[in-house]
Amino acid sequence: MPTSSPLVRWSTEMLPGRTRFSTFREEFTRLNLALDVIDHSGGRPRINVTYLPLGPVSVCSIVTTPVEFIRHKRHLKDSRDQFGLNIVEAGPVQFANAGQEHVYDAGAACLVDRGRLLRVFGSRGASVKFVTVPAAALRSLVAQPEDLSGRPVRPGPALRLLHLYLQSLASFKEPPSSKLASTVGTHLLDLVAATLGPTVEAANLVTERGVKAAKLQAILAEVAQRFGDPDVDLNNVAGALDMSRRYVQKLLEETGKSFTEHLAACRLERAFAMLTDPHHLHLAIIDIAFAAGFGDVSHFNRSFRRHFGETPSGVRAASMVRQKSSCAPSQCAGDGR
């Protein structure tokens, strides 16, 4: 059975108040990131880190009060031969690396050579996501990425796809299996290469592997976000992602389901969740159907029964029985049921 990659969540709030910052600096920042950290918050630092290793690739998210991260010469012996592509989500953030120094606002990105000196400073606090990839793997896809180190990354569709793909990883509540971690890591490597500009030889591989997977993920995320709108259609989703209608259709069909089937599945799952949630008992089934994005109740009832093998009213009734049987006698008595 494949093992899982460890999902690490660190926060200064997890540590004793008096030694909070020094402990975080010694036990996490220096050991895990090969960096030093200086507090600029006026004595009230707060740093939250989420770190997900995906084989040789890793993803890290850092949200901080005003702090400064520094990689000195003494840290370089602990640094791996890696590059990191950093996306600023809240700034401004100053990056100094490879003889370059620039200030980045939200949405901007830069490439960092982790084998060189580094300074990162968020004067007003910051939120940064970054992908770390092996230098050798990136060099196999991008010509001389070290020449791009410390410089702003060109904005464009590939960077947007990378950011969307990183956001989708937030759905991982548990560490992914080693097989899934390896697949996701490969996709991220391809997306970093696509963002920087792959070689002619690597362009097709990057497009057909990581970029294609990221586009499909973006489509599914857009459907999951907009299914509650009864007027949403294939054109809306394709337009929002700046893709052609036919291309969106083609990617979805490769999953074995059409756009209509994906949309219906999202709506039905939402309706089922509402029908089995005691907080929605005050809603009539017709209201739940409309809230889930269905515009016709008869169609909703037919689709629901075909999908779940039970009527909406039957699912609600069974859920109420389960809730009543599982609650404490005093609670049931208090409910008046």
C-alpha atoms as a PDB file:
ATOM      1  CA  MET A   1       0.000   0.000   0.000  1.00  0.00           C
ATOM      2  CA  PRO A   2       1.485   3.404  -0.956  1.00  0.00           C
ATOM      3  CA  THR A   3       2.505   5.584   1.945  1.00  0.00           C
ATOM      4  CA  SER A   4       1.429   9.183   2.374  1.00  0.00           C
ATOM      5  CA  SER A   5       3.541  12.326   2.200  1.00  0.00           C
ATOM      6  CA  PRO A   6       3.634  14.131   5.546  1.00  0.00           C
ATOM      7  CA  LEU A   7       1.554  17.309   5.525  1.00  0.00           C
ATOM      8  CA  VAL A   8       3.187  19.711   7.995  1.00  0.00           C
ATOM      9  CA  ARG A   9       1.393  22.625   9.629  1.00  0.00           C
ATOM     10  CA  TRP A  10       3.472  24.883  11.831  1.00  0.00           C
ATOM     11  CA  SER A  11       2.434  28.022  13.660  1.00  0.00           C
ATOM     12  CA  THR A  12       4.007  30.259  16.252  1.00  0.00           C
ATOM     13  CA  GLU A  13       0.645  30.045  18.039  1.00  0.00           C
ATOM     14  CA  MET A  14       1.378  26.382  18.811  1.00  0.00           C
ATOM     15  CA  LEU A  15       4.354  27.354  21.003  1.00  0.00           C
ATOM     16  CA  PRO A  16       4.699  28.794  24.540  1.00  0.00           C
ATOM     17  CA  GLY A  17       4.354  32.575  24.517  1.00  0.00           C
ATOM     18  CA  ARG A  18       7.643  33.594  26.123  1.00  0.00           C
ATOM     19  CA  THR A  19       9.869  31.498  23.856  1.00  0.00           C
ATOM     20  CA  ARG A  20       7.485  31.365  20.893  1.00  0.00           C
ATOM     21  CA  PHE A  21       9.545  33.158  18.291  1.00  0.00           C
ATOM     22  CA  SER A  22      12.964  31.803  19.276  1.00  0.00           C
ATOM     23  CA  THR A  23      11.638  28.235  19.317  1.00  0.00           C
ATOM     24  CA  PHE A  24      10.023  28.654  15.911  1.00  0.00           C
ATOM     25  CA  ARG A  25      13.254  30.094  14.522  1.00  0.00           C
ATOM     26  CA  GLU A  26      15.452  27.300  15.889  1.00  0.00           C
ATOM     27  CA  GLU A  27      13.179  24.284  15.426  1.00  0.00           C
ATOM     28  CA  PHE A  28      11.490  25.089  12.148  1.00  0.00           C
ATOM     29  CA  THR A  29      12.923  27.946  10.128  1.00  0.00           C
ATOM     30  CA  ARG A  30      16.594  27.043  10.423  1.00  0.00           C
ATOM     31  CA  LEU A  31      16.155  23.278  10.283  1.00  0.00           C
ATOM     32  CA  ASN A  32      13.454  23.031   7.607  1.00  0.00           C
ATOM     33  CA  LEU A  33      13.934  26.108   5.449  1.00  0.00           C
ATOM     34  CA  ALA A  34      17.679  26.735   5.957  1.00  0.00           C
ATOM     35  CA  LEU A  35      16.862  30.357   6.771  1.00  0.00           C
ATOM     36  CA  ASP A  36      17.109  32.763   9.636  1.00  0.00           C
ATOM     37  CA  VAL A  37      14.149  34.937  10.576  1.00  0.00           C
ATOM     38  CA  ILE A  38      14.008  38.396  12.145  1.00  0.00           C
ATOM     39  CA  ASP A  39      10.896  39.813  13.764  1.00  0.00           C
ATOM     40  CA  HIS A  40       9.709  43.260  12.613  1.00  0.00           C
ATOM     41  CA  SER A  41       6.261  43.093  14.208  1.00  0.00           C
ATOM     42  CA  GLY A  42       7.098  44.995  17.371  1.00  0.00           C
ATOM     43  CA  GLY A  43       7.265  41.891  19.517  1.00  0.00           C
ATOM     44  CA  ARG A  44       4.019  40.275  18.367  1.00  0.00           C
ATOM     45  CA  PRO A  45       5.098  37.899  15.608  1.00  0.00           C
ATOM     46  CA  ARG A  46       2.747  35.386  14.096  1.00  0.00           C
ATOM     47  CA  ILE A  47       3.834  32.956  11.403  1.00  0.00           C
ATOM     48  CA  ASN A  48       1.744  30.146   9.916  1.00  0.00           C
ATOM     49  CA  VAL A  49       3.351  27.597   7.609  1.00  0.00           C
ATOM     50  CA  THR A  50       1.857  24.751   5.585  1.00  0.00           C
ATOM     51  CA  TYR A  51       4.393  22.446   3.962  1.00  0.00           C
ATOM     52  CA  LEU A  52       3.556  19.577   1.628  1.00  0.00           C
ATOM     53  CA  PRO A  53       6.326  17.385   0.174  1.00  0.00           C
ATOM     54  CA  LEU A  54       5.397  15.768  -3.133  1.00  0.00           C
ATOM     55  CA  GLY A  55       8.311  13.502  -3.885  1.00  0.00           C
ATOM     56  CA  PRO A  56      11.262  15.668  -4.941  1.00  0.00           C
ATOM     57  CA  VAL A  57       8.913  18.652  -5.357  1.00  0.00           C
ATOM     58  CA  SER A  58       7.386  20.520  -2.424  1.00  0.00           C
ATOM     59  CA  VAL A  59       4.795  23.220  -1.831  1.00  0.00           C
ATOM     60  CA  CYS A  60       4.935  25.702   1.005  1.00  0.00           C
ATOM     61  CA  SER A  61       2.591  28.477   2.109  1.00  0.00           C
ATOM     62  CA  ILE A  62       3.733  31.120   4.586  1.00  0.00           C
ATOM     63  CA  VAL A  63       1.525  33.809   6.149  1.00  0.00           C
ATOM     64  CA  THR A  64       3.308  36.223   8.463  1.00  0.00           C
ATOM     65  CA  THR A  65       3.241  39.457  10.357  1.00  0.00           C
ATOM     66  CA  PRO A  66       6.162  41.758   9.359  1.00  0.00           C
ATOM     67  CA  VAL A  67       9.294  39.566   9.321  1.00  0.00           C
ATOM     68  CA  GLU A  68      12.512  39.165   7.386  1.00  0.00           C
ATOM     69  CA  PHE A  69      13.843  35.803   6.172  1.00  0.00           C
ATOM     70  CA  ILE A  70      17.558  35.590   5.398  1.00  0.00           C
ATOM     71  CA  ARG A  71      19.702  32.817   3.939  1.00  0.00           C
ATOM     72  CA  HIS A  72      23.269  33.552   5.003  1.00  0.00           C
ATOM     73  CA  LYS A  73      26.426  31.855   3.739  1.00  0.00           C
ATOM     74  CA  ARG A  74      26.359  29.511   6.725  1.00  0.00           C
ATOM     75  CA  HIS A  75      22.955  28.223   5.599  1.00  0.00           C
ATOM     76  CA  LEU A  76      24.106  27.301   2.105  1.00  0.00           C
ATOM     77  CA  LYS A  77      25.679  24.040   3.254  1.00  0.00           C
ATOM     78  CA  ASP A  78      22.177  22.924   4.283  1.00  0.00           C
ATOM     79  CA  SER A  79      20.535  24.161   1.088  1.00  0.00           C
ATOM     80  CA  ARG A  80      19.692  21.725  -1.675  1.00  0.00           C
ATOM     81  CA  ASP A  81      20.269  22.260  -5.364  1.00  0.00           C
ATOM     82  CA  GLN A  82      16.772  23.597  -5.964  1.00  0.00           C
ATOM     83  CA  PHE A  83      14.809  26.443  -7.438  1.00  0.00           C
ATOM     84  CA  GLY A  84      11.733  27.965  -5.861  1.00  0.00           C
ATOM     85  CA  LEU A  85       8.984  29.774  -7.737  1.00  0.00           C
ATOM     86  CA  ASN A  86       7.309  32.200  -5.339  1.00  0.00           C
ATOM     87  CA  ILE A  87       3.845  33.711  -5.825  1.00  0.00           C
ATOM     88  CA  VAL A  88       2.946  36.673  -3.614  1.00  0.00           C
ATOM     89  CA  GLU A  89      -0.657  36.549  -2.414  1.00  0.00           C
ATOM     90  CA  ALA A  90      -0.425  39.542  -0.051  1.00  0.00           C
ATOM     91  CA  GLY A  91       2.395  42.055  -0.003  1.00  0.00           C
ATOM     92  CA  PRO A  92       4.394  44.024  -0.788  1.00  0.00           C
ATOM     93  CA  VAL A  93       7.308  41.607  -0.418  1.00  0.00           C
ATOM     94  CA  GLN A  94      10.943  42.356  -1.224  1.00  0.00           C
ATOM     95  CA  PHE A  95      13.069  39.529  -2.652  1.00  0.00           C
ATOM     96  CA  ALA A  96      16.848  39.797  -3.013  1.00  0.00           C
ATOM     97  CA  ASN A  97      18.560  36.852  -4.706  1.00  0.00           C
ATOM     98  CA  ALA A  98      21.264  36.208  -7.329  1.00  0.00           C
ATOM     99  CA  GLY A  99      22.314  39.863  -7.396  1.00  0.00           C
ATOM    100  CA  GLN A 100      18.759  41.055  -8.076  1.00  0.00           C
ATOM    101  CA  GLU A 101      16.426  42.945  -5.753  1.00  0.00           C
ATOM    102  CA  HIS A 102      12.764  43.650  -6.504  1.00  0.00           C
ATOM    103  CA  VAL A 103       9.547  44.442  -4.644  1.00  0.00           C
ATOM    104  CA  TYR A 104       6.502  42.335  -5.537  1.00  0.00           C
ATOM    105  CA  ASP A 105       2.830  43.061  -4.977  1.00  0.00           C
ATOM    106  CA  ALA A 106      -0.019  40.549  -4.802  1.00  0.00           C
ATOM    107  CA  GLY A 107      -0.208  38.376  -7.907  1.00  0.00           C
ATOM    108  CA  ALA A 108       3.442  38.834  -8.861  1.00  0.00           C
ATOM    109  CA  ALA A 109       5.983  36.008  -8.872  1.00  0.00           C
ATOM    110  CA  CYS A 110       9.729  35.463  -8.900  1.00  0.00           C
ATOM    111  CA  LEU A 111      12.191  32.603  -9.238  1.00  0.00           C
ATOM    112  CA  VAL A 112      14.681  31.997  -6.431  1.00  0.00           C
ATOM    113  CA  ASP A 113      17.886  29.972  -6.589  1.00  0.00           C
ATOM    114  CA  ARG A 114      17.949  28.254  -3.202  1.00  0.00           C
ATOM    115  CA  GLY A 115      21.681  27.644  -3.496  1.00  0.00           C
ATOM    116  CA  ARG A 116      22.413  31.397  -3.315  1.00  0.00           C
ATOM    117  CA  LEU A 117      22.039  34.069  -0.673  1.00  0.00           C
ATOM    118  CA  LEU A 118      18.466  35.194  -0.157  1.00  0.00           C
ATOM    119  CA  ARG A 119      16.586  37.937   1.657  1.00  0.00           C
ATOM    120  CA  VAL A 120      12.790  38.152   1.817  1.00  0.00           C
ATOM    121  CA  PHE A 121      11.160  41.050   3.650  1.00  0.00           C
ATOM    122  CA  GLY A 122       7.467  41.740   4.129  1.00  0.00           C
ATOM    123  CA  SER A 123       7.332  45.134   5.802  1.00  0.00           C
ATOM    124  CA  ARG A 124       3.580  44.956   6.397  1.00  0.00           C
ATOM    125  CA  GLY A 125       3.191  41.219   6.721  1.00  0.00           C
ATOM    126  CA  ALA A 126       2.898  38.870   3.802  1.00  0.00           C
ATOM    127  CA  SER A 127       1.362  35.755   2.313  1.00  0.00           C
ATOM    128  CA  VAL A 128       3.489  33.763  -0.121  1.00  0.00           C
ATOM    129  CA  LYS A 129       3.072  30.382  -1.784  1.00  0.00           C
ATOM    130  CA  PHE A 130       6.063  28.721  -3.366  1.00  0.00           C
ATOM    131  CA  VAL A 131       6.918  25.564  -5.268  1.00  0.00           C
ATOM    132  CA  THR A 132      10.365  24.070  -4.813  1.00  0.00           C
ATOM    133  CA  VAL A 133      11.712  21.869  -7.605  1.00  0.00           C
ATOM    134  CA  PRO A 134      15.042  20.039  -8.095  1.00  0.00           C
ATOM    135  CA  ALA A 135      17.472  22.093 -10.161  1.00  0.00           C
ATOM    136  CA  ALA A 136      18.375  19.161 -12.414  1.00  0.00           C
ATOM    137  CA  ALA A 137      14.734  18.388 -13.182  1.00  0.00           C
ATOM    138  CA  LEU A 138      13.997  22.025 -14.032  1.00  0.00           C
ATOM    139  CA  ARG A 139      17.116  22.294 -16.216  1.00  0.00           C
ATOM    140  CA  SER A 140      15.861  19.322 -18.228  1.00  0.00           C
ATOM    141  CA  LEU A 141      12.810  21.407 -19.190  1.00  0.00           C
ATOM    142  CA  VAL A 142      14.047  25.021 -19.093  1.00  0.00           C
ATOM    143  CA  ALA A 143      17.306  26.322 -20.537  1.00  0.00           C
ATOM    144  CA  GLN A 144      19.562  27.858 -17.866  1.00  0.00           C
ATOM    145  CA  PRO A 145      16.936  28.736 -15.230  1.00  0.00           C
ATOM    146  CA  GLU A 146      19.712  30.197 -13.058  1.00  0.00           C
ATOM    147  CA  ASP A 147      19.762  33.178 -15.423  1.00  0.00           C
ATOM    148  CA  LEU A 148      16.161  33.895 -14.379  1.00  0.00           C
ATOM    149  CA  SER A 149      16.867  33.737 -10.643  1.00  0.00           C
ATOM    150  CA  GLY A 150      15.956  36.787  -8.595  1.00  0.00           C
ATOM    151  CA  ARG A 151      13.963  38.280 -11.436  1.00  0.00           C
ATOM    152  CA  PRO A 152      10.215  38.848 -11.833  1.00  0.00           C
ATOM    153  CA  VAL A 153       8.416  36.027 -13.606  1.00  0.00           C
ATOM    154  CA  ARG A 154       6.492  37.003 -16.705  1.00  0.00           C
ATOM    155  CA  PRO A 155       2.741  37.051 -15.982  1.00  0.00           C
ATOM    156  CA  GLY A 156       0.553  34.993 -18.272  1.00  0.00           C
ATOM    157  CA  PRO A 157      -1.784  32.009 -18.602  1.00  0.00           C
ATOM    158  CA  ALA A 158       0.790  29.496 -17.294  1.00  0.00           C
ATOM    159  CA  LEU A 159       1.399  31.459 -14.087  1.00  0.00           C
ATOM    160  CA  ARG A 160      -2.344  31.774 -13.575  1.00  0.00           C
ATOM    161  CA  LEU A 161      -2.780  28.024 -14.064  1.00  0.00           C
ATOM    162  CA  LEU A 162       0.006  27.326 -11.580  1.00  0.00           C
ATOM    163  CA  HIS A 163      -1.641  29.568  -8.999  1.00  0.00           C
ATOM    164  CA  LEU A 164      -5.036  27.925  -9.511  1.00  0.00           C
ATOM    165  CA  TYR A 165      -3.470  24.468  -9.229  1.00  0.00           C
ATOM    166  CA  LEU A 166      -1.763  25.465  -5.967  1.00  0.00           C
ATOM    167  CA  GLN A 167      -5.072  26.736  -4.608  1.00  0.00           C
ATOM    168  CA  SER A 168      -6.691  23.393  -5.424  1.00  0.00           C
ATOM    169  CA  LEU A 169      -4.178  21.638  -3.160  1.00  0.00           C
ATOM    170  CA  ALA A 170      -5.817  23.356  -0.189  1.00  0.00           C
ATOM    171  CA  SER A 171      -8.552  20.708  -0.485  1.00  0.00           C
ATOM    172  CA  PHE A 172      -6.080  18.129   0.868  1.00  0.00           C
ATOM    173  CA  LYS A 173      -7.184  17.625   4.459  1.00  0.00           C
ATOM    174  CA  GLU A 174      -4.980  14.545   4.718  1.00  0.00           C
ATOM    175  CA  PRO A 175      -1.626  13.864   3.058  1.00  0.00           C
ATOM    176  CA  PRO A 176      -1.941  12.384  -0.452  1.00  0.00           C
ATOM    177  CA  SER A 177      -0.726   8.867  -1.186  1.00  0.00           C
ATOM    178  CA  SER A 178       2.809   8.595  -2.504  1.00  0.00           C
ATOM    179  CA  LYS A 179       1.453   7.821  -5.986  1.00  0.00           C
ATOM    180  CA  LEU A 180      -0.798  10.884  -6.037  1.00  0.00           C
ATOM    181  CA  ALA A 181       1.971  13.007  -4.501  1.00  0.00           C
ATOM    182  CA  SER A 182       4.332  11.984  -7.304  1.00  0.00           C
ATOM    183  CA  THR A 183       1.734  12.829  -9.964  1.00  0.00           C
ATOM    184  CA  VAL A 184       0.982  16.225  -8.448  1.00  0.00           C
ATOM    185  CA  GLY A 185       4.698  16.929  -8.092  1.00  0.00           C
ATOM    186  CA  THR A 186       5.244  16.196 -11.782  1.00  0.00           C
ATOM    187  CA  HIS A 187       2.365  18.488 -12.742  1.00  0.00           C
ATOM    188  CA  LEU A 188       3.849  21.286 -10.632  1.00  0.00           C
ATOM    189  CA  LEU A 189       7.283  20.849 -12.188  1.00  0.00           C
ATOM    190  CA  ASP A 190       5.688  21.122 -15.639  1.00  0.00           C
ATOM    191  CA  LEU A 191       3.733  24.214 -14.630  1.00  0.00           C
ATOM    192  CA  VAL A 192       6.853  25.908 -13.291  1.00  0.00           C
ATOM    193  CA  ALA A 193       8.600  25.096 -16.584  1.00  0.00           C
ATOM    194  CA  ALA A 194       5.634  26.398 -18.597  1.00  0.00           C
ATOM    195  CA  THR A 195       5.661  29.612 -16.562  1.00  0.00           C
ATOM    196  CA  LEU A 196       9.384  30.197 -17.113  1.00  0.00           C
ATOM    197  CA  GLY A 197       9.385  29.058 -20.736  1.00  0.00           C
ATOM    198  CA  PRO A 198      10.236  25.465 -21.675  1.00  0.00           C
ATOM    199  CA  THR A 199      12.734  24.462 -24.315  1.00  0.00           C
ATOM    200  CA  VAL A 200      11.427  23.510 -27.749  1.00  0.00           C
ATOM    201  CA  GLU A 201      12.154  19.860 -26.979  1.00  0.00           C
ATOM    202  CA  ALA A 202      10.215  19.961 -23.680  1.00  0.00           C
ATOM    203  CA  ALA A 203       7.291  22.163 -24.739  1.00  0.00           C
ATOM    204  CA  ASN A 204       5.016  19.368 -25.952  1.00  0.00           C
ATOM    205  CA  LEU A 205       5.684  17.166 -22.903  1.00  0.00           C
ATOM    206  CA  VAL A 206       4.982  20.038 -20.500  1.00  0.00           C
ATOM    207  CA  THR A 207       1.779  20.967 -22.344  1.00  0.00           C
ATOM    208  CA  GLU A 208       0.382  17.440 -22.581  1.00  0.00           C
ATOM    209  CA  ARG A 209       1.237  16.521 -18.991  1.00  0.00           C
ATOM    210  CA  GLY A 210       1.168  19.246 -16.346  1.00  0.00           C
ATOM    211  CA  VAL A 211      -0.509  22.075 -18.232  1.00  0.00           C
ATOM    212  CA  LYS A 212      -3.321  19.829 -19.471  1.00  0.00           C
ATOM    213  CA  ALA A 213      -3.909  18.458 -15.961  1.00  0.00           C
ATOM    214  CA  ALA A 214      -3.974  21.982 -14.524  1.00  0.00           C
ATOM    215  CA  LYS A 215      -6.485  23.135 -17.127  1.00  0.00           C
ATOM    216  CA  LEU A 216      -8.788  20.233 -16.296  1.00  0.00           C
ATOM    217  CA  GLN A 217      -8.453  21.005 -12.597  1.00  0.00           C
ATOM    218  CA  ALA A 218      -9.306  24.652 -13.262  1.00  0.00           C
ATOM    219  CA  ILE A 219     -12.414  23.633 -15.242  1.00  0.00           C
ATOM    220  CA  LEU A 220     -13.641  21.315 -12.482  1.00  0.00           C
ATOM    221  CA  ALA A 221     -12.998  24.002  -9.862  1.00  0.00           C
ATOM    222  CA  GLU A 222     -14.955  26.555 -11.903  1.00  0.00           C
ATOM    223  CA  VAL A 223     -17.897  24.148 -12.231  1.00  0.00           C
ATOM    224  CA  ALA A 224     -17.774  23.406  -8.490  1.00  0.00           C
ATOM    225  CA  GLN A 225     -17.774  27.128  -7.735  1.00  0.00           C
ATOM    226  CA  ARG A 226     -20.610  28.116 -10.065  1.00  0.00           C
ATOM    227  CA  PHE A 227     -23.006  25.154 -10.037  1.00  0.00           C
ATOM    228  CA  GLY A 228     -25.496  27.023  -7.823  1.00  0.00           C
ATOM    229  CA  ASP A 229     -26.230  29.463 -10.649  1.00  0.00           C
ATOM    230  CA  PRO A 230     -29.120  27.970 -12.662  1.00  0.00           C
ATOM    231  CA  ASP A 231     -27.966  29.896 -15.746  1.00  0.00           C
ATOM    232  CA  VAL A 232     -24.363  28.679 -15.782  1.00  0.00           C
ATOM    233  CA  ASP A 233     -23.430  26.820 -18.943  1.00  0.00           C
ATOM    234  CA  LEU A 234     -20.419  25.600 -20.891  1.00  0.00           C
ATOM    235  CA  ASN A 235     -19.901  29.000 -22.496  1.00  0.00           C
ATOM    236  CA  ASN A 236     -19.757  30.733 -19.088  1.00  0.00           C
ATOM    237  CA  VAL A 237     -17.122  28.336 -17.763  1.00  0.00           C
ATOM    238  CA  ALA A 238     -15.022  28.416 -20.941  1.00  0.00           C
ATOM    239  CA  GLY A 239     -15.153  32.214 -21.054  1.00  0.00           C
ATOM    240  CA  ALA A 240     -14.167  32.599 -17.400  1.00  0.00           C
ATOM    241  CA  LEU A 241     -11.059  30.482 -18.017  1.00  0.00           C
ATOM    242  CA  ASP A 242     -10.251  31.995 -21.417  1.00  0.00           C
ATOM    243  CA  MET A 243     -10.579  28.594 -23.103  1.00  0.00           C
ATOM    244  CA  SER A 244     -12.606  27.606 -26.116  1.00  0.00           C
ATOM    245  CA  ARG A 245     -15.911  25.813 -25.630  1.00  0.00           C
ATOM    246  CA  ARG A 246     -14.667  22.860 -27.663  1.00  0.00           C
ATOM    247  CA  TYR A 247     -11.459  22.521 -25.654  1.00  0.00           C
ATOM    248  CA  VAL A 248     -13.367  22.467 -22.351  1.00  0.00           C
ATOM    249  CA  GLN A 249     -15.714  19.836 -23.784  1.00  0.00           C
ATOM    250  CA  LYS A 250     -12.766  17.732 -24.957  1.00  0.00           C
ATOM    251  CA  LEU A 251     -10.970  17.778 -21.584  1.00  0.00           C
ATOM    252  CA  LEU A 252     -14.136  16.899 -19.673  1.00  0.00           C
ATOM    253  CA  GLU A 253     -15.031  14.091 -22.061  1.00  0.00           C
ATOM    254  CA  GLU A 254     -11.647  12.525 -21.340  1.00  0.00           C
ATOM    255  CA  THR A 255     -12.827  12.095 -17.727  1.00  0.00           C
ATOM    256  CA  GLY A 256     -15.725   9.952 -18.960  1.00  0.00           C
ATOM    257  CA  LYS A 257     -18.346  12.619 -18.174  1.00  0.00           C
ATOM    258  CA  SER A 258     -19.734  15.522 -20.154  1.00  0.00           C
ATOM    259  CA  PHE A 259     -20.006  19.094 -18.866  1.00  0.00           C
ATOM    260  CA  THR A 260     -23.706  18.530 -18.157  1.00  0.00           C
ATOM    261  CA  GLU A 261     -22.949  15.400 -16.131  1.00  0.00           C
ATOM    262  CA  HIS A 262     -20.256  17.135 -14.057  1.00  0.00           C
ATOM    263  CA  LEU A 263     -22.574  20.067 -13.388  1.00  0.00           C
ATOM    264  CA  ALA A 264     -25.465  17.792 -12.408  1.00  0.00           C
ATOM    265  CA  ALA A 265     -23.220  15.759 -10.085  1.00  0.00           C
ATOM    266  CA  CYS A 266     -22.157  18.904  -8.206  1.00  0.00           C
ATOM    267  CA  ARG A 267     -25.768  20.010  -7.836  1.00  0.00           C
ATOM    268  CA  LEU A 268     -26.974  16.605  -6.688  1.00  0.00           C
ATOM    269  CA  GLU A 269     -24.189  16.256  -4.112  1.00  0.00           C
ATOM    270  CA  ARG A 270     -25.034  19.697  -2.748  1.00  0.00           C
ATOM    271  CA  ALA A 271     -28.729  18.837  -2.549  1.00  0.00           C
ATOM    272  CA  PHE A 272     -27.958  15.571  -0.762  1.00  0.00           C
ATOM    273  CA  ALA A 273     -25.756  17.396   1.759  1.00  0.00           C
ATOM    274  CA  MET A 274     -28.514  19.922   2.481  1.00  0.00           C
ATOM    275  CA  LEU A 275     -31.184  17.238   2.820  1.00  0.00           C
ATOM    276  CA  THR A 276     -29.114  15.392   5.420  1.00  0.00           C
ATOM    277  CA  ASP A 277     -28.040  18.511   7.341  1.00  0.00           C
ATOM    278  CA  PRO A 278     -30.237  19.307  10.384  1.00  0.00           C
ATOM    279  CA  HIS A 279     -29.492  23.007   9.878  1.00  0.00           C
ATOM    280  CA  HIS A 280     -31.569  22.915   6.679  1.00  0.00           C
ATOM    281  CA  LEU A 281     -34.660  21.180   8.065  1.00  0.00           C
ATOM    282  CA  HIS A 282     -36.569  24.463   7.830  1.00  0.00           C
ATOM    283  CA  LEU A 283     -36.171  24.457   4.049  1.00  0.00           C
ATOM    284  CA  ALA A 284     -38.726  22.795   1.801  1.00  0.00           C
ATOM    285  CA  ILE A 285     -37.345  20.335  -0.733  1.00  0.00           C
ATOM    286  CA  ILE A 286     -38.234  22.733  -3.559  1.00  0.00           C
ATOM    287  CA  ASP A 287     -36.106  25.414  -1.875  1.00  0.00           C
ATOM    288  CA  ILE A 288     -33.181  22.994  -1.634  1.00  0.00           C
ATOM    289  CA  ALA A 289     -33.542  22.120  -5.308  1.00  0.00           C
ATOM    290  CA  PHE A 290     -33.367  25.792  -6.280  1.00  0.00           C
ATOM    291  CA  ALA A 291     -30.454  26.448  -3.875  1.00  0.00           C
ATOM    292  CA  ALA A 292     -28.496  23.632  -5.507  1.00  0.00           C
ATOM    293  CA  GLY A 293     -28.964  25.196  -8.953  1.00  0.00           C
ATOM    294  CA  PHE A 294     -31.909  23.218 -10.339  1.00  0.00           C
ATOM    295  CA  GLY A 295     -34.504  25.276 -12.160  1.00  0.00           C
ATOM    296  CA  ASP A 296     -37.127  22.545 -12.439  1.00  0.00           C
ATOM    297  CA  VAL A 297     -38.295  20.480  -9.447  1.00  0.00           C
ATOM    298  CA  SER A 298     -39.580  17.550 -11.503  1.00  0.00           C
ATOM    299  CA  HIS A 299     -36.208  17.261 -13.224  1.00  0.00           C
ATOM    300  CA  PHE A 300     -34.491  17.489  -9.834  1.00  0.00           C
ATOM    301  CA  ASN A 301     -36.602  14.668  -8.403  1.00  0.00           C
ATOM    302  CA  ARG A 302     -35.961  12.384 -11.379  1.00  0.00           C
ATOM    303  CA  SER A 303     -32.232  13.102 -11.427  1.00  0.00           C
ATOM    304  CA  PHE A 304     -31.906  12.656  -7.677  1.00  0.00           C
ATOM    305  CA  ARG A 305     -33.620   9.278  -7.676  1.00  0.00           C
ATOM    306  CA  ARG A 306     -31.615   8.077 -10.658  1.00  0.00           C
ATOM    307  CA  HIS A 307     -28.343   9.146  -8.992  1.00  0.00           C
ATOM    308  CA  PHE A 308     -28.951   8.036  -5.392  1.00  0.00           C
ATOM    309  CA  GLY A 309     -31.631   5.353  -5.815  1.00  0.00           C
ATOM    310  CA  GLU A 310     -33.955   7.193  -3.445  1.00  0.00           C
ATOM    311  CA  THR A 311     -36.264  10.200  -3.528  1.00  0.00           C
ATOM    312  CA  PRO A 312     -35.251  13.494  -1.884  1.00  0.00           C
ATOM    313  CA  SER A 313     -38.051  13.116   0.680  1.00  0.00           C
ATOM    314  CA  GLY A 314     -36.917   9.564   1.416  1.00  0.00           C
ATOM    315  CA  VAL A 315     -33.324  10.675   2.020  1.00  0.00           C
ATOM    316  CA  ARG A 316     -34.474  13.455   4.341  1.00  0.00           C
ATOM    317  CA  ALA A 317     -36.773  11.119   6.301  1.00  0.00           C
ATOM    318  CA  ALA A 318     -34.029   8.492   6.721  1.00  0.00           C
ATOM    319  CA  SER A 319     -31.596  11.183   7.868  1.00  0.00           C
ATOM    320  CA  MET A 320     -34.062  12.453  10.487  1.00  0.00           C
ATOM    321  CA  VAL A 321     -34.509   8.923  11.828  1.00  0.00           C
ATOM    322  CA  ARG A 322     -30.732   8.485  12.125  1.00  0.00           C
ATOM    323  CA  GLN A 323     -30.342  11.816  13.882  1.00  0.00           C
ATOM    324  CA  LYS A 324     -33.118  11.018  16.331  1.00  0.00           C
ATOM    325  CA  SER A 325     -31.707   7.573  17.150  1.00  0.00           C
ATOM    326  CA  SER A 326     -28.200   8.930  17.713  1.00  0.00           C
ATOM    327  CA  CYS A 327     -29.057  11.885  19.957  1.00  0.00           C
ATOM    328  CA  ALA A 328     -29.075  11.674  23.760  1.00  0.00           C
ATOM    329  CA  PRO A 329     -32.486  11.105  25.417  1.00  0.00           C
ATOM    330  CA  SER A 330     -32.421  14.540  27.021  1.00  0.00           C
ATOM    331  CA  GLN A 331     -31.665  16.182  23.668  1.00  0.00           C
ATOM    332  CA  CYS A 332     -34.399  14.265  21.878  1.00  0.00           C
ATOM    333  CA  ALA A 333     -36.867  15.217  24.581  1.00  0.00           C
ATOM    334  CA  GLY A 334     -35.806  18.825  24.295  1.00  0.00           C
ATOM    335  CA  ASP A 335     -36.344  18.778  20.559  1.00  0.00           C
ATOM    336  CA  GLY A 336     -39.969  17.770  21.061  1.00  0.00           C
ATOM    337  CA  ARG A 337     -39.616  14.918  18.584  1.00  0.00           C
END
